[in-house]
Amino acid sequence: MAEIKLPDGAYRIEMPIPFPLKSVHAYVLETAEGFVLVDSGFPSIEARTVIEQELERVCGSPSNVVAVIITHFHPDHSGLAGWLEEIAGCQVYIHERDWLRLEQLLAEEDPSPKVLAPELAAQLSPELSESWRRVRQDVRRLLYPIARPVLVAGDEVLDFGDRSLRLLWTPGHTEGHLCVLDSAERVLYAGDHLLARITPHIGAWYTSGENPLRLYERSLNLIEELAPRFAFPAHEAPLEDPAGRAREILKHHQERRQAVLSAISAQPRSAREISEALFPQRMDGFNQFLALSETIAHLQALSEEGAVRSSSIDGQRLYSK
């Protein structure tokens, strides 16, 4: 396969992150009105050094950035946006739902009991609760606050002179995940919505009342319909056939539903018991957290679809066939 090249006037910046994927990509788009950045990187000294040097090389100076579009609130994507806002006076665009989550993440008061989905919160062991507290504390310590966010709802078109960027609301990985479509080039800057090698984490984290898996599958259908030429994700390799990759991930989640069904016995089982059957390998606390939230998302979808029964016994949600 030939190398997939970025359009003219588009550049990729690769920055280190302290997670298994090792690095995250931000994309710089040159426009008649200045430079637009899609995502900003993790708020570490190492990542800031890289992006500062690369913006000097590509833009002449970080101060020539006129806008940052955050695909979602996770710190490897939003972490340096506040720093860029401060030094460049640029606008920072973020979906209104993800702005709420970012505010809750930065709140002084621990929001876990009010914010986490009740079923997830009820399944947390003391060790998992402590893991969540430590992660949140570490992120709060590092993040640069965003002073004047521009909140969007999705489907806005941002015109920067010669380049028009459409903000696609693609919930699933987070409630307010955005992809950025360069309509003229038919190129998608996909954040964590589509990844080439792995599937993004889809978990029932929050109390929004909407099942994240079903939202994500609708978002994948949108990419199928739009069928962009290429997609440039925030991690790893670009995608030559984004619509085809969307179909592959849809198939994966149907297969995952079957794996969840196989882990449910005739006797009612909790989400935690089912998660431990699905992910028997030993994992650290936060990866157990991810496995549990993913399992709950699939169980909720199966329950809504009538494939499993759910009941509440002594305040605990249980599932059976």
Foldseek 3Di string as FASTA:
>chain_A
DDADDDDPQKDWFWFADPDPLGIWIKMWHQFPQFIEIEFDAALDPRRVVRVQVVCCVSRVGLLRHAEYEFQAQPRGGHFCVLVSCVPNVHAYEFAPQRVVVNCQLLDPDPCQVPWWAVQLVVPDDPQLVVVVVVVSVVRNVRGRDHDDHDHDNFQDWDDRHPWIWGWHQQFFLHNRGTWIARPVQLEIAHEQLFDDPDHRQGFRTTDPVDQSVVSNLVSLVVCLVSFGQKYHYGGDGIGRTSNVRSVVVVVVLVVVLVLLQVLAAQDWDALLSSLCVSVVDDDRSVVSSSSSRSSVSSVVVCVVVVNWDWDADPNHITIHD
